[in-house]
N, C-alpha and C. Protein backbone atom coordinates (compact mmCIF):
# COMPACT_ATOMS: atom_id res chain seq x y z
N MET A 1 27.32 -4.52 -65.44
CA MET A 1 27.95 -4.84 -66.69
C MET A 1 28.32 -3.55 -67.43
N THR A 2 28.71 -2.57 -66.67
CA THR A 2 29.07 -1.28 -67.23
C THR A 2 30.58 -1.20 -67.44
N PRO A 3 31.04 -0.24 -68.23
CA PRO A 3 32.49 -0.04 -68.36
C PRO A 3 33.17 0.20 -67.01
N GLU A 4 32.46 0.87 -66.10
CA GLU A 4 33.03 1.11 -64.76
C GLU A 4 33.19 -0.20 -64.00
N PHE A 5 32.21 -1.11 -64.14
CA PHE A 5 32.33 -2.41 -63.49
C PHE A 5 33.54 -3.15 -64.04
N CYS A 6 33.69 -3.19 -65.35
CA CYS A 6 34.80 -3.92 -65.97
C CYS A 6 36.14 -3.34 -65.54
N ALA A 7 36.26 -2.04 -65.51
CA ALA A 7 37.52 -1.41 -65.08
C ALA A 7 37.80 -1.72 -63.61
N THR A 8 36.76 -1.70 -62.79
CA THR A 8 36.93 -1.98 -61.36
C THR A 8 37.32 -3.44 -61.13
N MET A 9 36.68 -4.37 -61.85
CA MET A 9 37.01 -5.79 -61.71
C MET A 9 38.46 -6.03 -62.14
N GLN A 10 38.86 -5.47 -63.25
CA GLN A 10 40.24 -5.62 -63.74
C GLN A 10 41.23 -5.10 -62.69
N ALA A 11 40.97 -3.91 -62.19
CA ALA A 11 41.87 -3.30 -61.20
C ALA A 11 41.92 -4.12 -59.91
N ARG A 12 40.78 -4.66 -59.49
CA ARG A 12 40.75 -5.44 -58.25
C ARG A 12 41.54 -6.74 -58.40
N LEU A 13 41.40 -7.42 -59.52
CA LEU A 13 42.16 -8.65 -59.74
C LEU A 13 43.66 -8.37 -59.84
N GLU A 14 44.02 -7.27 -60.47
CA GLU A 14 45.43 -6.88 -60.53
C GLU A 14 45.97 -6.59 -59.13
N GLU A 15 45.17 -5.92 -58.32
CA GLU A 15 45.56 -5.61 -56.95
C GLU A 15 45.76 -6.88 -56.12
N LEU A 16 44.85 -7.83 -56.26
CA LEU A 16 44.92 -9.06 -55.47
C LEU A 16 46.11 -9.93 -55.85
N THR A 17 46.57 -9.83 -57.10
CA THR A 17 47.69 -10.67 -57.54
C THR A 17 49.02 -9.94 -57.53
N ALA A 18 49.03 -8.67 -57.21
CA ALA A 18 50.25 -7.85 -57.32
C ALA A 18 51.42 -8.41 -56.52
N GLY A 19 51.18 -9.00 -55.37
CA GLY A 19 52.26 -9.49 -54.55
C GLY A 19 52.65 -10.95 -54.80
N GLU A 20 51.97 -11.58 -55.76
CA GLU A 20 52.22 -13.00 -56.03
C GLU A 20 53.16 -13.18 -57.21
N LYS A 21 54.04 -14.16 -57.11
CA LYS A 21 54.96 -14.47 -58.21
C LYS A 21 55.00 -15.97 -58.43
N PHE A 22 55.03 -16.36 -59.71
CA PHE A 22 55.06 -17.75 -60.11
C PHE A 22 56.05 -17.91 -61.25
N HIS A 23 56.44 -19.14 -61.52
CA HIS A 23 57.42 -19.41 -62.58
C HIS A 23 56.86 -19.09 -63.95
N ARG A 24 57.73 -18.49 -64.78
CA ARG A 24 57.43 -18.32 -66.21
C ARG A 24 58.19 -19.42 -66.93
N ARG A 25 57.53 -20.14 -67.80
CA ARG A 25 58.13 -21.31 -68.43
C ARG A 25 59.36 -20.97 -69.28
N ARG A 26 59.30 -19.88 -70.01
CA ARG A 26 60.36 -19.53 -70.95
C ARG A 26 61.74 -19.50 -70.30
N ASP A 27 61.81 -18.86 -69.13
CA ASP A 27 63.13 -18.66 -68.52
C ASP A 27 63.17 -19.00 -67.03
N GLY A 28 62.06 -19.47 -66.49
CA GLY A 28 62.02 -19.83 -65.08
C GLY A 28 61.94 -18.66 -64.13
N ALA A 29 61.88 -17.43 -64.67
CA ALA A 29 61.81 -16.24 -63.82
C ALA A 29 60.50 -16.25 -63.03
N MET A 30 60.53 -15.65 -61.86
CA MET A 30 59.33 -15.51 -61.04
C MET A 30 58.65 -14.20 -61.43
N VAL A 31 57.41 -14.28 -61.90
CA VAL A 31 56.69 -13.12 -62.41
C VAL A 31 55.28 -13.06 -61.83
N THR A 32 54.73 -11.86 -61.82
CA THR A 32 53.35 -11.63 -61.39
C THR A 32 52.41 -12.13 -62.49
N PRO A 33 51.29 -12.74 -62.13
CA PRO A 33 50.35 -13.21 -63.16
C PRO A 33 49.82 -12.07 -64.01
N GLN A 34 49.67 -12.34 -65.31
CA GLN A 34 49.00 -11.37 -66.17
C GLN A 34 47.51 -11.50 -65.95
N VAL A 35 46.83 -10.37 -65.87
CA VAL A 35 45.38 -10.36 -65.70
C VAL A 35 44.79 -9.87 -67.01
N ALA A 36 43.91 -10.68 -67.61
CA ALA A 36 43.34 -10.34 -68.91
C ALA A 36 41.83 -10.50 -68.86
N ARG A 37 41.14 -9.58 -69.49
CA ARG A 37 39.69 -9.65 -69.61
C ARG A 37 39.33 -10.36 -70.91
N THR A 38 38.41 -11.26 -70.85
CA THR A 38 37.81 -12.00 -71.95
C THR A 38 38.77 -13.00 -72.60
N GLN A 39 39.89 -12.53 -73.13
CA GLN A 39 40.83 -13.47 -73.72
C GLN A 39 42.24 -12.91 -73.62
N LEU A 40 43.19 -13.80 -73.77
CA LEU A 40 44.58 -13.38 -73.70
C LEU A 40 44.96 -12.65 -74.97
N PRO A 41 45.98 -11.79 -74.89
CA PRO A 41 46.44 -11.10 -76.10
C PRO A 41 46.95 -12.11 -77.14
N GLY A 42 47.02 -11.68 -78.39
CA GLY A 42 47.53 -12.55 -79.45
C GLY A 42 48.96 -12.99 -79.17
N LYS A 43 49.33 -14.09 -79.74
CA LYS A 43 50.65 -14.64 -79.50
C LYS A 43 51.68 -13.98 -80.39
N ALA A 44 52.79 -13.55 -79.80
CA ALA A 44 53.87 -12.91 -80.54
C ALA A 44 54.60 -13.94 -81.40
N ALA A 45 55.39 -13.46 -82.34
CA ALA A 45 56.13 -14.34 -83.25
C ALA A 45 57.07 -15.27 -82.49
N ASP A 46 57.61 -14.80 -81.36
CA ASP A 46 58.55 -15.62 -80.59
C ASP A 46 57.86 -16.40 -79.47
N TYR A 47 56.53 -16.55 -79.55
CA TYR A 47 55.76 -17.25 -78.52
C TYR A 47 56.27 -18.67 -78.36
N GLN A 48 56.40 -19.09 -77.11
CA GLN A 48 56.73 -20.47 -76.80
C GLN A 48 55.59 -21.04 -75.97
N GLU A 49 55.30 -22.31 -76.16
CA GLU A 49 54.23 -22.95 -75.41
C GLU A 49 54.41 -22.71 -73.91
N GLY A 50 53.36 -22.22 -73.26
CA GLY A 50 53.43 -21.94 -71.83
C GLY A 50 53.75 -20.50 -71.49
N ASP A 51 54.01 -19.65 -72.49
CA ASP A 51 54.32 -18.25 -72.21
C ASP A 51 53.17 -17.51 -71.54
N ASP A 52 51.95 -18.03 -71.66
CA ASP A 52 50.78 -17.37 -71.08
C ASP A 52 50.78 -17.40 -69.55
N TYR A 53 51.46 -18.38 -68.97
CA TYR A 53 51.38 -18.61 -67.53
C TYR A 53 52.45 -17.84 -66.79
N PRO A 54 52.15 -17.36 -65.60
CA PRO A 54 50.91 -17.46 -64.84
C PRO A 54 49.86 -16.47 -65.37
N LEU A 55 48.59 -16.84 -65.22
CA LEU A 55 47.54 -15.97 -65.74
C LEU A 55 46.29 -15.99 -64.88
N VAL A 56 45.57 -14.88 -64.98
CA VAL A 56 44.22 -14.73 -64.43
C VAL A 56 43.40 -14.15 -65.57
N ARG A 57 42.48 -14.94 -66.10
CA ARG A 57 41.63 -14.48 -67.19
C ARG A 57 40.20 -14.44 -66.69
N TRP A 58 39.54 -13.31 -66.89
CA TRP A 58 38.17 -13.19 -66.41
C TRP A 58 37.26 -12.73 -67.54
N ALA A 59 35.99 -13.08 -67.41
CA ALA A 59 35.01 -12.69 -68.43
C ALA A 59 33.62 -12.70 -67.82
N ILE A 60 32.79 -11.81 -68.33
CA ILE A 60 31.36 -11.88 -68.03
C ILE A 60 30.84 -13.03 -68.89
N TRP A 61 30.28 -14.05 -68.24
CA TRP A 61 29.97 -15.30 -68.92
C TRP A 61 28.50 -15.43 -69.31
N GLN A 62 27.62 -15.22 -68.37
CA GLN A 62 26.19 -15.37 -68.66
C GLN A 62 25.39 -14.49 -67.73
N GLY A 63 24.13 -14.29 -68.07
CA GLY A 63 23.30 -13.47 -67.22
C GLY A 63 21.84 -13.61 -67.56
N ARG A 64 21.04 -12.81 -66.86
CA ARG A 64 19.61 -12.78 -67.12
C ARG A 64 19.06 -11.44 -66.66
N LEU A 65 17.98 -11.04 -67.29
CA LEU A 65 17.29 -9.81 -66.93
C LEU A 65 15.93 -10.20 -66.39
N GLU A 66 15.55 -9.59 -65.28
CA GLU A 66 14.25 -9.88 -64.68
C GLU A 66 13.71 -8.59 -64.09
N ALA A 67 12.57 -8.16 -64.60
CA ALA A 67 11.93 -6.92 -64.15
C ALA A 67 12.95 -5.78 -64.20
N ARG A 68 13.36 -5.29 -63.06
CA ARG A 68 14.31 -4.16 -63.01
C ARG A 68 15.68 -4.58 -62.49
N LEU A 69 15.99 -5.88 -62.63
CA LEU A 69 17.24 -6.39 -62.08
C LEU A 69 18.01 -7.18 -63.14
N ALA A 70 19.29 -6.94 -63.21
CA ALA A 70 20.18 -7.72 -64.07
C ALA A 70 21.06 -8.58 -63.18
N GLU A 71 21.16 -9.85 -63.48
CA GLU A 71 22.08 -10.74 -62.78
C GLU A 71 23.02 -11.32 -63.82
N PHE A 72 24.30 -11.44 -63.46
CA PHE A 72 25.26 -12.02 -64.39
C PHE A 72 26.38 -12.70 -63.62
N THR A 73 27.05 -13.62 -64.31
CA THR A 73 28.13 -14.40 -63.72
C THR A 73 29.45 -14.01 -64.36
N VAL A 74 30.43 -13.79 -63.52
CA VAL A 74 31.80 -13.55 -63.96
C VAL A 74 32.59 -14.83 -63.68
N ILE A 75 33.28 -15.32 -64.69
CA ILE A 75 34.16 -16.48 -64.56
C ILE A 75 35.59 -15.96 -64.49
N VAL A 76 36.33 -16.44 -63.49
CA VAL A 76 37.74 -16.08 -63.35
C VAL A 76 38.54 -17.38 -63.46
N ASN A 77 39.32 -17.51 -64.54
CA ASN A 77 40.16 -18.69 -64.74
C ASN A 77 41.58 -18.37 -64.30
N LEU A 78 42.18 -19.30 -63.58
CA LEU A 78 43.54 -19.14 -63.07
C LEU A 78 44.39 -20.28 -63.62
N ALA A 79 45.64 -20.00 -63.93
CA ALA A 79 46.53 -21.07 -64.38
C ALA A 79 47.98 -20.70 -64.06
N VAL A 80 48.73 -21.70 -63.67
CA VAL A 80 50.16 -21.55 -63.43
C VAL A 80 50.88 -22.73 -64.07
N TRP A 81 52.16 -22.54 -64.34
CA TRP A 81 53.03 -23.60 -64.83
C TRP A 81 54.09 -23.83 -63.76
N THR A 82 54.47 -25.07 -63.56
CA THR A 82 55.51 -25.34 -62.58
C THR A 82 56.65 -26.15 -63.21
N PRO A 83 57.89 -25.82 -62.86
CA PRO A 83 59.02 -26.65 -63.26
C PRO A 83 59.23 -27.79 -62.26
N GLY A 84 58.42 -27.77 -61.19
CA GLY A 84 58.63 -28.70 -60.09
C GLY A 84 57.73 -29.92 -60.13
N THR A 85 57.42 -30.40 -58.96
CA THR A 85 56.63 -31.61 -58.79
C THR A 85 55.14 -31.31 -58.83
N VAL A 86 54.35 -32.37 -58.81
CA VAL A 86 52.90 -32.23 -58.73
C VAL A 86 52.52 -31.48 -57.46
N ALA A 87 53.19 -31.76 -56.37
CA ALA A 87 52.91 -31.06 -55.11
C ALA A 87 53.22 -29.57 -55.25
N ASP A 88 54.31 -29.22 -55.94
CA ASP A 88 54.65 -27.80 -56.16
C ASP A 88 53.56 -27.11 -56.96
N GLY A 89 53.11 -27.74 -58.04
CA GLY A 89 52.05 -27.15 -58.87
C GLY A 89 50.75 -27.01 -58.10
N SER A 90 50.41 -28.02 -57.32
CA SER A 90 49.19 -27.97 -56.51
C SER A 90 49.27 -26.84 -55.49
N ASP A 91 50.43 -26.70 -54.87
CA ASP A 91 50.61 -25.60 -53.90
C ASP A 91 50.51 -24.24 -54.59
N ASP A 92 51.10 -24.12 -55.78
CA ASP A 92 51.08 -22.84 -56.50
C ASP A 92 49.67 -22.43 -56.90
N ILE A 93 48.88 -23.37 -57.44
CA ILE A 93 47.53 -22.98 -57.86
C ILE A 93 46.67 -22.64 -56.66
N MET A 94 46.87 -23.33 -55.55
CA MET A 94 46.10 -22.99 -54.35
C MET A 94 46.52 -21.63 -53.80
N ARG A 95 47.80 -21.29 -53.92
CA ARG A 95 48.25 -19.96 -53.48
C ARG A 95 47.62 -18.87 -54.35
N LEU A 96 47.56 -19.09 -55.67
CA LEU A 96 46.92 -18.11 -56.54
C LEU A 96 45.42 -18.02 -56.27
N LEU A 97 44.77 -19.16 -56.09
CA LEU A 97 43.35 -19.17 -55.77
C LEU A 97 43.08 -18.40 -54.48
N ASN A 98 43.87 -18.66 -53.46
CA ASN A 98 43.69 -17.97 -52.18
C ASN A 98 43.99 -16.48 -52.27
N ALA A 99 44.84 -16.08 -53.21
CA ALA A 99 45.11 -14.65 -53.42
C ALA A 99 43.89 -13.96 -54.03
N ILE A 100 43.16 -14.66 -54.90
CA ILE A 100 42.00 -14.08 -55.60
C ILE A 100 40.72 -14.16 -54.77
N LEU A 101 40.56 -15.18 -53.95
CA LEU A 101 39.29 -15.38 -53.23
C LEU A 101 38.85 -14.21 -52.35
N PRO A 102 39.73 -13.35 -51.84
CA PRO A 102 39.23 -12.20 -51.10
C PRO A 102 38.30 -11.27 -51.90
N VAL A 103 38.23 -11.47 -53.22
CA VAL A 103 37.26 -10.71 -54.00
C VAL A 103 35.85 -11.01 -53.49
N ALA A 104 35.65 -12.16 -52.85
CA ALA A 104 34.34 -12.52 -52.29
C ALA A 104 33.94 -11.60 -51.14
N ASN A 105 34.89 -10.88 -50.58
CA ASN A 105 34.58 -9.92 -49.52
C ASN A 105 34.12 -8.57 -50.07
N ASP A 106 34.28 -8.38 -51.38
CA ASP A 106 33.89 -7.12 -52.03
C ASP A 106 32.42 -7.21 -52.40
N ARG A 107 31.55 -6.88 -51.51
CA ARG A 107 30.11 -7.05 -51.75
C ARG A 107 29.56 -6.08 -52.77
N GLY A 108 30.27 -5.00 -53.05
CA GLY A 108 29.81 -4.06 -54.05
C GLY A 108 30.96 -3.63 -54.94
N LEU A 109 30.80 -3.79 -56.25
CA LEU A 109 31.81 -3.36 -57.21
C LEU A 109 31.14 -2.47 -58.26
N ALA A 110 31.45 -1.21 -58.23
CA ALA A 110 30.94 -0.26 -59.22
C ALA A 110 29.43 -0.35 -59.39
N GLY A 111 28.71 -0.37 -58.28
CA GLY A 111 27.25 -0.39 -58.33
C GLY A 111 26.63 -1.76 -58.56
N HIS A 112 27.44 -2.80 -58.54
CA HIS A 112 26.97 -4.17 -58.74
C HIS A 112 27.20 -4.94 -57.44
N ARG A 113 26.17 -5.63 -56.98
CA ARG A 113 26.23 -6.35 -55.72
C ARG A 113 26.65 -7.80 -55.97
N LEU A 114 27.71 -8.24 -55.27
CA LEU A 114 28.14 -9.63 -55.35
C LEU A 114 27.19 -10.47 -54.51
N LEU A 115 26.61 -11.49 -55.12
CA LEU A 115 25.71 -12.38 -54.40
C LEU A 115 26.52 -13.27 -53.46
N PRO A 116 25.93 -13.71 -52.35
CA PRO A 116 26.69 -14.37 -51.29
C PRO A 116 27.42 -15.65 -51.71
N GLU A 117 26.85 -16.42 -52.61
CA GLU A 117 27.49 -17.69 -52.97
C GLU A 117 28.60 -17.47 -54.00
N VAL A 118 29.82 -17.83 -53.63
CA VAL A 118 30.96 -17.78 -54.53
C VAL A 118 31.43 -19.22 -54.72
N GLU A 119 31.45 -19.67 -55.97
CA GLU A 119 31.79 -21.05 -56.28
C GLU A 119 33.19 -21.10 -56.87
N PHE A 120 33.96 -22.13 -56.52
CA PHE A 120 35.25 -22.31 -57.16
C PHE A 120 35.52 -23.78 -57.41
N HIS A 121 36.35 -24.05 -58.40
CA HIS A 121 36.76 -25.40 -58.77
C HIS A 121 38.27 -25.39 -58.93
N VAL A 122 38.90 -26.50 -58.60
CA VAL A 122 40.33 -26.65 -58.79
C VAL A 122 40.54 -27.84 -59.71
N GLY A 123 41.37 -27.67 -60.74
CA GLY A 123 41.71 -28.76 -61.63
C GLY A 123 40.66 -29.05 -62.68
N GLU A 124 40.76 -30.22 -63.26
CA GLU A 124 39.88 -30.66 -64.34
C GLU A 124 38.44 -30.77 -63.85
N GLN A 125 37.50 -30.30 -64.66
CA GLN A 125 36.09 -30.38 -64.30
C GLN A 125 35.27 -31.06 -65.39
N GLN A 126 35.84 -31.25 -66.57
CA GLN A 126 35.06 -31.72 -67.71
C GLN A 126 35.11 -33.22 -67.92
N VAL A 127 36.07 -33.90 -67.33
CA VAL A 127 36.23 -35.33 -67.56
C VAL A 127 35.70 -36.09 -66.35
N GLU A 128 34.72 -36.96 -66.59
CA GLU A 128 34.13 -37.73 -65.50
C GLU A 128 35.20 -38.58 -64.81
N HIS A 129 35.16 -38.59 -63.51
CA HIS A 129 36.09 -39.31 -62.64
C HIS A 129 37.50 -38.72 -62.64
N ALA A 130 37.65 -37.52 -63.22
CA ALA A 130 38.96 -36.85 -63.18
C ALA A 130 38.83 -35.49 -62.53
N GLU A 131 37.68 -35.22 -61.91
CA GLU A 131 37.45 -33.92 -61.29
C GLU A 131 38.58 -33.61 -60.32
N GLY A 132 39.13 -32.43 -60.45
CA GLY A 132 40.19 -31.99 -59.55
C GLY A 132 41.58 -32.39 -59.99
N MET A 133 41.71 -33.26 -60.98
CA MET A 133 43.03 -33.65 -61.49
C MET A 133 43.65 -32.46 -62.23
N GLN A 134 44.95 -32.40 -62.22
CA GLN A 134 45.65 -31.31 -62.88
C GLN A 134 46.50 -31.85 -64.03
N PRO A 135 46.51 -31.15 -65.18
CA PRO A 135 47.32 -31.60 -66.32
C PRO A 135 48.78 -31.14 -66.17
N HIS A 136 49.49 -31.75 -65.23
CA HIS A 136 50.89 -31.38 -64.94
C HIS A 136 51.67 -31.18 -66.23
N PRO A 137 52.42 -30.10 -66.39
CA PRO A 137 52.88 -29.11 -65.43
C PRO A 137 52.01 -27.85 -65.36
N ILE A 138 50.81 -27.87 -65.98
CA ILE A 138 49.88 -26.75 -65.92
C ILE A 138 48.87 -27.05 -64.82
N TYR A 139 48.57 -26.03 -63.99
CA TYR A 139 47.61 -26.18 -62.89
C TYR A 139 46.56 -25.10 -63.03
N GLN A 140 45.29 -25.48 -62.85
CA GLN A 140 44.18 -24.59 -63.14
C GLN A 140 43.18 -24.52 -62.00
N ALA A 141 42.47 -23.40 -61.95
CA ALA A 141 41.35 -23.23 -61.03
C ALA A 141 40.38 -22.25 -61.67
N GLN A 142 39.16 -22.24 -61.16
CA GLN A 142 38.13 -21.34 -61.69
C GLN A 142 37.26 -20.85 -60.54
N ILE A 143 36.89 -19.59 -60.61
CA ILE A 143 35.99 -18.98 -59.63
C ILE A 143 34.78 -18.44 -60.38
N LYS A 144 33.58 -18.64 -59.81
CA LYS A 144 32.35 -18.07 -60.37
C LYS A 144 31.82 -17.05 -59.38
N LEU A 145 31.65 -15.83 -59.86
CA LEU A 145 31.12 -14.74 -59.05
C LEU A 145 29.81 -14.28 -59.68
N LYS A 146 28.74 -14.23 -58.90
CA LYS A 146 27.44 -13.79 -59.42
C LYS A 146 27.13 -12.40 -58.87
N PHE A 147 26.78 -11.50 -59.77
CA PHE A 147 26.47 -10.12 -59.43
C PHE A 147 25.05 -9.77 -59.82
N SER A 148 24.50 -8.77 -59.15
CA SER A 148 23.21 -8.22 -59.55
C SER A 148 23.29 -6.70 -59.48
N ALA A 149 22.47 -6.07 -60.31
CA ALA A 149 22.41 -4.61 -60.33
C ALA A 149 21.06 -4.18 -60.88
N PRO A 150 20.57 -3.05 -60.42
CA PRO A 150 19.32 -2.56 -60.98
C PRO A 150 19.53 -2.14 -62.43
N ILE A 151 18.50 -2.37 -63.25
CA ILE A 151 18.55 -1.96 -64.64
C ILE A 151 18.18 -0.49 -64.71
N ARG A 152 19.02 0.27 -65.34
CA ARG A 152 18.72 1.71 -65.50
C ARG A 152 18.02 1.88 -66.85
N ARG A 153 16.84 2.43 -66.80
CA ARG A 153 16.08 2.62 -68.03
C ARG A 153 15.88 4.11 -68.26
N ASN A 154 15.84 4.45 -69.54
CA ASN A 154 15.54 5.83 -69.91
C ASN A 154 14.03 5.97 -70.04
N HIS A 155 13.49 7.00 -69.45
CA HIS A 155 12.05 7.22 -69.51
C HIS A 155 11.75 8.48 -70.33
N CYS A 156 10.66 8.45 -71.07
CA CYS A 156 10.22 9.64 -71.81
C CYS A 156 9.47 10.57 -70.86
N ASN A 157 9.66 11.83 -71.01
CA ASN A 157 8.94 12.81 -70.19
C ASN A 157 7.63 13.16 -70.82
């Protein structure tokens, strides 16, 4: 959970999405997803609904300290907008998810070890009996990455 970890995570997500392009709602142009830490930038005066997409938003979500070890979870939220059909949107979010999932192969990021279990969800997760449904024309996915690192403590001499 160091500044080096955050910079490395940001750079890695940008690298993984660099070759991907998705529709931008405002003008239909194909653009690379914006990668944002914690929250998206404020909305400009000319903001139109859907201008945020495509996006990859990540945040350190929760953690715990135990003896000399820190464990924490990074949540990566993905979203795209489609001018097309439900099948088009479903294909687009799966393409973005598959572009990001190779982060699971990065067992070490800036001194933090990625734990073996990587969890992901596609679509709605909060509404009972709607799990996996997508709010067309917006398509969403989420990845949970758990990291651990030794706690560095300062000692008195």
